[in-house]
């Protein structure tokens, strides 16, 4: 009987542990916060940078657990234990327009910076410091920008049950998904996207954006043939004509704002019913 009771208790504990492990997270984790990147018109200083690292005679890239060299040392106030975030300005390599206004909006939003990871100083010399890569979002390389580490807020998620796929227009500012992290064209749950609304338009960290799509529009990357909202050759048509303004919008999902610059927001998609394309529309909830 004792053996059976012990086994039963063990099973209950294991079940409770499994249930706890499956609980939905209450906020973005550190990798989502510190690997999200930003698009900003504000100039990020480039006077501190990564020179190279150990085994640089053949090593081109550096990642977690490796040692890198920074261009500042004790003479510039660097101390043992100091922590820095590493970033890099990036551009779309293909220069391909995925929707009608993309290039114009990107220029207005500013420069895109990719988060690369975090380093901690482990040895200091007069004009150079050696730092260990504590975590890496992507590879680091010579010339990457190094900035003092600052805490970023981790805004709480709202309950998924609050999502309304038939929500009316909020009446608040609307914009578009202009780009995604790593210059993809399609986003889903946990993807990072960049939206052309920022602090100047009243956006704050922790705000939620709703993603949606119009039927029949031909300006987005998810291209639609003319008139597809109400007719498709060989597969029927309605007696009257319909345009995107006369049909319900299709809500695709929602996302939370992780970072804000003057004219742009970094948004993590928290829920997606289907694909969110570069060129999809957004509004503040």
Protein backbone atom coordinates (compact mmCIF):
# COMPACT_ATOMS: atom_id res chain seq x y z
CA UNK A 1 0.00 0.00 0.00
CA UNK A 2 2.86 2.39 0.88
CA UNK A 3 4.50 1.66 -2.46
CA UNK A 4 1.25 2.36 -4.33
CA UNK A 5 0.72 5.58 -2.38
CA UNK A 6 4.28 6.68 -3.12
CA UNK A 7 3.87 5.99 -6.84
CA UNK A 8 0.57 7.90 -6.87
CA UNK A 9 2.18 10.93 -5.19
CA UNK A 10 5.05 10.82 -7.65
CA UNK A 11 2.64 10.74 -10.60
CA UNK A 12 0.73 13.70 -9.17
CA UNK A 13 3.96 15.68 -8.74
CA UNK A 14 5.08 14.86 -12.27
CA UNK A 15 1.69 15.87 -13.68
CA UNK A 16 1.79 19.16 -11.76
CA UNK A 17 5.31 19.85 -13.02
CA UNK A 18 4.28 19.12 -16.59
CA UNK A 19 1.26 21.41 -16.29
CA UNK A 20 3.42 24.22 -14.91
CA UNK A 21 5.90 23.78 -17.75
CA UNK A 22 3.08 24.09 -20.28
CA UNK A 23 1.68 27.30 -18.82
CA UNK A 24 1.74 30.18 -21.26
CA UNK A 25 4.53 32.72 -20.59
CA UNK A 26 3.43 35.95 -18.93
CA UNK A 27 5.95 38.20 -20.73
CA UNK A 28 8.56 38.07 -23.50
CA UNK A 29 11.75 36.28 -22.48
CA UNK A 30 15.25 37.79 -22.51
CA UNK A 31 16.11 36.52 -25.98
CA UNK A 32 12.98 38.11 -27.42
CA UNK A 33 13.64 41.42 -25.67
CA UNK A 34 17.38 41.71 -26.34
CA UNK A 35 17.40 40.19 -29.84
CA UNK A 36 14.52 42.20 -31.29
CA UNK A 37 16.35 45.01 -33.07
CA UNK A 38 15.01 48.46 -33.85
CA UNK A 39 14.47 50.94 -36.68
CA UNK A 40 15.25 54.49 -35.60
CA UNK A 41 16.03 57.98 -36.84
CA UNK A 42 18.20 58.54 -33.74
CA UNK A 43 21.92 58.27 -34.41
CA UNK A 44 23.59 55.44 -32.46
CA UNK A 45 27.21 56.38 -31.61
CA UNK A 46 29.82 54.26 -33.37
CA UNK A 47 32.89 55.30 -31.35
CA UNK A 48 32.90 52.00 -29.39
CA UNK A 49 33.24 48.85 -31.45
CA UNK A 50 34.43 45.28 -31.62
CA UNK A 51 37.98 44.96 -33.02
CA UNK A 52 38.25 41.18 -33.37
CA UNK A 53 38.78 38.33 -30.92
CA UNK A 54 40.82 35.28 -30.03
CA UNK A 55 42.07 33.20 -32.96
CA UNK A 56 41.38 36.11 -35.28
CA UNK A 57 44.14 34.93 -37.63
CA UNK A 58 41.49 32.67 -39.17
CA UNK A 59 38.30 33.38 -37.23
CA UNK A 60 35.80 35.72 -38.91
CA UNK A 61 32.76 35.36 -36.65
CA UNK A 62 32.30 35.29 -32.88
CA UNK A 63 29.49 33.84 -30.77
CA UNK A 64 28.47 32.78 -27.25
CA UNK A 65 31.30 31.71 -24.94
CA UNK A 66 34.07 33.23 -27.07
CA UNK A 67 36.36 36.18 -26.27
CA UNK A 68 36.31 39.40 -28.26
CA UNK A 69 38.41 42.58 -28.16
CA UNK A 70 36.87 46.01 -27.65
CA UNK A 71 38.51 49.30 -28.65
CA UNK A 72 38.22 50.87 -25.19
CA UNK A 73 40.14 50.12 -22.02
CA UNK A 74 41.02 51.52 -18.61
CA UNK A 75 42.04 54.90 -20.08
CA UNK A 76 38.47 55.29 -21.36
CA UNK A 77 36.87 54.24 -18.06
CA UNK A 78 36.23 50.55 -18.84
CA UNK A 79 36.21 48.29 -15.74
CA UNK A 80 36.11 44.57 -15.07
CA UNK A 81 32.54 43.30 -15.15
CA UNK A 82 31.19 46.06 -17.40
CA UNK A 83 28.51 44.75 -19.77
CA UNK A 84 27.73 45.88 -23.29
CA UNK A 85 25.17 45.21 -25.99
CA UNK A 86 26.46 44.62 -29.52
CA UNK A 87 24.53 45.88 -32.54
CA UNK A 88 24.98 46.48 -36.27
CA UNK A 89 23.31 48.74 -38.84
CA UNK A 90 21.81 46.56 -41.60
CA UNK A 91 20.20 47.10 -45.00
CA UNK A 92 17.94 44.99 -47.18
CA UNK A 93 20.42 43.13 -49.43
CA UNK A 94 17.97 42.57 -52.31
CA UNK A 95 16.55 46.10 -52.47
CA UNK A 96 13.27 44.63 -53.73
CA UNK A 97 10.01 46.48 -53.08
CA UNK A 98 7.52 44.05 -51.50
CA UNK A 99 4.66 46.54 -51.42
CA UNK A 100 4.01 49.89 -53.02
CA UNK A 101 5.21 52.30 -50.30
CA UNK A 102 7.86 50.17 -48.59
CA UNK A 103 11.03 52.10 -49.51
CA UNK A 104 9.47 55.46 -48.69
CA UNK A 105 8.25 54.28 -45.30
CA UNK A 106 11.58 52.65 -44.41
CA UNK A 107 13.43 55.90 -45.10
CA UNK A 108 11.02 57.79 -42.85
CA UNK A 109 11.42 55.20 -40.06
CA UNK A 110 15.23 55.49 -40.06
CA UNK A 111 18.11 53.02 -39.95
CA UNK A 112 17.55 49.36 -39.00
CA UNK A 113 19.84 48.01 -36.28
CA UNK A 114 20.20 44.29 -35.62
CA UNK A 115 20.78 43.13 -32.04
CA UNK A 116 23.73 40.72 -31.90
CA UNK A 117 24.11 39.89 -28.21
CA UNK A 118 25.69 40.84 -24.90
CA UNK A 119 29.32 40.80 -23.71
CA UNK A 120 31.01 41.20 -20.30
CA UNK A 121 34.51 42.57 -19.75
CA UNK A 122 36.86 39.97 -18.22
CA UNK A 123 40.22 41.75 -18.67
CA UNK A 124 41.17 45.40 -19.07
CA UNK A 125 44.27 46.94 -20.65
CA UNK A 126 45.00 50.67 -21.09
CA UNK A 127 43.24 51.08 -24.47
CA UNK A 128 41.70 47.67 -25.15
CA UNK A 129 39.35 45.36 -23.22
CA UNK A 130 38.72 41.64 -23.55
CA UNK A 131 35.08 40.60 -23.17
CA UNK A 132 33.29 37.27 -23.07
CA UNK A 133 30.18 36.84 -25.24
CA UNK A 134 27.47 36.01 -22.67
CA UNK A 135 24.82 35.31 -25.30
CA UNK A 136 24.54 35.89 -29.02
CA UNK A 137 21.46 36.52 -31.14
CA UNK A 138 23.55 36.21 -34.28
CA UNK A 139 27.24 36.17 -35.16
CA UNK A 140 29.44 39.13 -34.20
CA UNK A 141 32.15 40.47 -36.47
CA UNK A 142 34.77 43.21 -36.72
CA UNK A 143 33.39 46.73 -36.53
CA UNK A 144 30.12 45.88 -34.78
CA UNK A 145 28.86 48.70 -32.55
CA UNK A 146 29.25 48.26 -28.77
CA UNK A 147 27.01 50.20 -26.38
CA UNK A 148 26.74 50.11 -22.55
CA UNK A 149 24.16 47.58 -21.39
CA UNK A 150 20.83 49.03 -20.25
CA UNK A 151 17.83 47.09 -19.02
CA UNK A 152 14.89 46.90 -21.41
CA UNK A 153 11.33 46.51 -20.08
CA UNK A 154 9.53 43.19 -20.54
CA UNK A 155 5.85 44.19 -20.95
CA UNK A 156 3.24 41.64 -19.83
CA UNK A 157 1.23 39.66 -22.38
CA UNK A 158 -2.52 39.99 -22.35
CA UNK A 159 -4.70 36.89 -22.28
CA UNK A 160 -5.14 35.19 -25.67
CA UNK A 161 -8.83 34.81 -24.83
CA UNK A 162 -9.21 38.60 -25.18
CA UNK A 163 -8.43 38.41 -28.90
CA UNK A 164 -11.41 39.41 -31.08
CA UNK A 165 -11.13 38.32 -34.71
CA UNK A 166 -14.15 40.45 -35.63
CA UNK A 167 -13.07 43.59 -33.77
CA UNK A 168 -14.27 46.86 -35.32
CA UNK A 169 -11.72 49.50 -36.25
CA UNK A 170 -10.23 50.95 -33.07
CA UNK A 171 -10.24 54.50 -34.40
CA UNK A 172 -6.62 54.88 -33.29
CA UNK A 173 -3.57 55.37 -35.49
CA UNK A 174 -3.07 52.82 -38.24
CA UNK A 175 -0.01 51.95 -40.33
CA UNK A 176 1.68 49.00 -42.05
CA UNK A 177 4.12 46.17 -41.41
CA UNK A 178 7.07 47.67 -43.28
CA UNK A 179 9.74 45.04 -42.62
CA UNK A 180 10.54 41.98 -40.53
CA UNK A 181 13.63 40.95 -38.64
CA UNK A 182 16.19 39.53 -41.09
CA UNK A 183 14.21 41.00 -44.01
CA UNK A 184 11.68 38.23 -44.43
CA UNK A 185 8.36 38.79 -46.15
CA UNK A 186 6.03 36.62 -44.03
CA UNK A 187 5.53 36.66 -40.25
CA UNK A 188 3.76 34.42 -37.74
CA UNK A 189 3.61 33.91 -33.99
CA UNK A 190 6.83 35.03 -32.21
CA UNK A 191 8.16 36.78 -35.34
CA UNK A 192 9.57 40.31 -34.96
CA UNK A 193 8.15 42.95 -37.32
CA UNK A 194 8.74 46.68 -37.69
CA UNK A 195 5.80 49.07 -37.98
CA UNK A 196 5.81 52.72 -39.10
CA UNK A 197 4.26 54.14 -35.92
CA UNK A 198 6.42 55.22 -33.00
CA UNK A 199 6.74 57.46 -29.98
CA UNK A 200 5.93 60.55 -32.06
CA UNK A 201 2.53 58.99 -32.75
CA UNK A 202 1.94 58.05 -29.10
CA UNK A 203 3.07 54.40 -29.18
CA UNK A 204 4.49 52.96 -25.94
CA UNK A 205 6.23 49.73 -24.97
CA UNK A 206 3.53 47.24 -24.02
CA UNK A 207 0.92 48.57 -26.46
CA UNK A 208 -0.78 46.05 -28.73
CA UNK A 209 -1.14 46.25 -32.50
CA UNK A 210 -3.86 44.46 -34.45
CA UNK A 211 -2.87 43.09 -37.89
CA UNK A 212 -5.46 43.03 -40.64
CA UNK A 213 -5.93 42.67 -44.39
CA UNK A 214 -8.35 44.18 -46.89
CA UNK A 215 -10.13 42.10 -49.52
CA UNK A 216 -9.41 43.15 -53.07
CA UNK A 217 -6.52 45.56 -52.48
CA UNK A 218 -3.64 45.31 -54.94
CA UNK A 219 -1.03 47.30 -53.00
CA UNK A 220 0.19 44.51 -50.72
CA UNK A 221 2.75 41.79 -51.35
CA UNK A 222 -0.02 39.17 -51.10
CA UNK A 223 -1.08 40.18 -54.60
CA UNK A 224 -4.70 39.86 -55.65
CA UNK A 225 -6.06 39.94 -59.19
CA UNK A 226 -8.34 42.83 -60.02
CA UNK A 227 -11.89 42.26 -58.73
CA UNK A 228 -11.02 39.12 -56.76
CA UNK A 229 -13.09 40.43 -53.85
CA UNK A 230 -16.29 39.59 -55.74
CA UNK A 231 -15.38 37.59 -58.86
CA UNK A 232 -12.97 34.97 -60.13
CA UNK A 233 -13.19 33.94 -63.76
CA UNK A 234 -14.85 30.54 -64.02
CA UNK A 235 -15.72 30.40 -60.32
CA UNK A 236 -18.62 32.79 -59.98
CA UNK A 237 -19.31 36.46 -59.38
CA UNK A 238 -21.77 38.63 -57.48
CA UNK A 239 -24.45 40.75 -59.17
CA UNK A 240 -22.85 43.97 -57.89
CA UNK A 241 -19.34 45.37 -57.64
CA UNK A 242 -17.41 45.38 -54.35
CA UNK A 243 -14.16 47.03 -53.35
CA UNK A 244 -11.96 46.69 -50.28
CA UNK A 245 -13.76 49.59 -48.59
CA UNK A 246 -17.14 47.89 -48.80
CA UNK A 247 -16.19 44.50 -47.32
CA UNK A 248 -15.23 43.39 -43.80
CA UNK A 249 -11.52 43.48 -43.15
CA UNK A 250 -9.82 40.20 -42.34
CA UNK A 251 -8.07 40.31 -38.96
CA UNK A 252 -4.84 38.31 -39.03
CA UNK A 253 -3.61 38.50 -35.44
CA UNK A 254 -1.99 40.84 -32.94
CA UNK A 255 1.37 41.69 -31.43
CA UNK A 256 3.00 43.50 -28.52
CA UNK A 257 5.35 46.48 -28.77
CA UNK A 258 8.82 45.66 -27.40
CA UNK A 259 10.76 48.79 -28.41
CA UNK A 260 9.86 52.23 -29.69
CA UNK A 261 11.76 54.89 -31.64
CA UNK A 262 10.45 58.26 -32.89
CA UNK A 263 8.82 56.89 -36.06
CA UNK A 264 8.84 53.10 -35.67
CA UNK A 265 7.95 50.27 -33.31
CA UNK A 266 9.45 46.83 -32.84
CA UNK A 267 6.53 44.41 -32.49
CA UNK A 268 6.50 40.72 -31.60
CA UNK A 269 3.59 38.81 -33.13
CA UNK A 270 1.89 37.10 -30.17
CA UNK A 271 -1.01 35.52 -32.06
CA UNK A 272 -1.56 34.86 -35.76
CA UNK A 273 -4.54 33.19 -37.37
CA UNK A 274 -2.65 33.08 -40.67
CA UNK A 275 0.31 34.69 -42.36
CA UNK A 276 1.09 38.35 -41.74
CA UNK A 277 2.79 39.76 -44.83
CA UNK A 278 5.08 42.73 -45.22
CA UNK A 279 2.52 45.28 -46.38
CA UNK A 280 -0.25 44.07 -44.07
CA UNK A 281 -2.07 46.82 -42.17
CA UNK A 282 -1.94 47.46 -38.42
CA UNK A 283 -3.77 49.60 -35.89
CA UNK A 284 -3.25 50.37 -32.23
CA UNK A 285 -5.77 48.43 -30.18
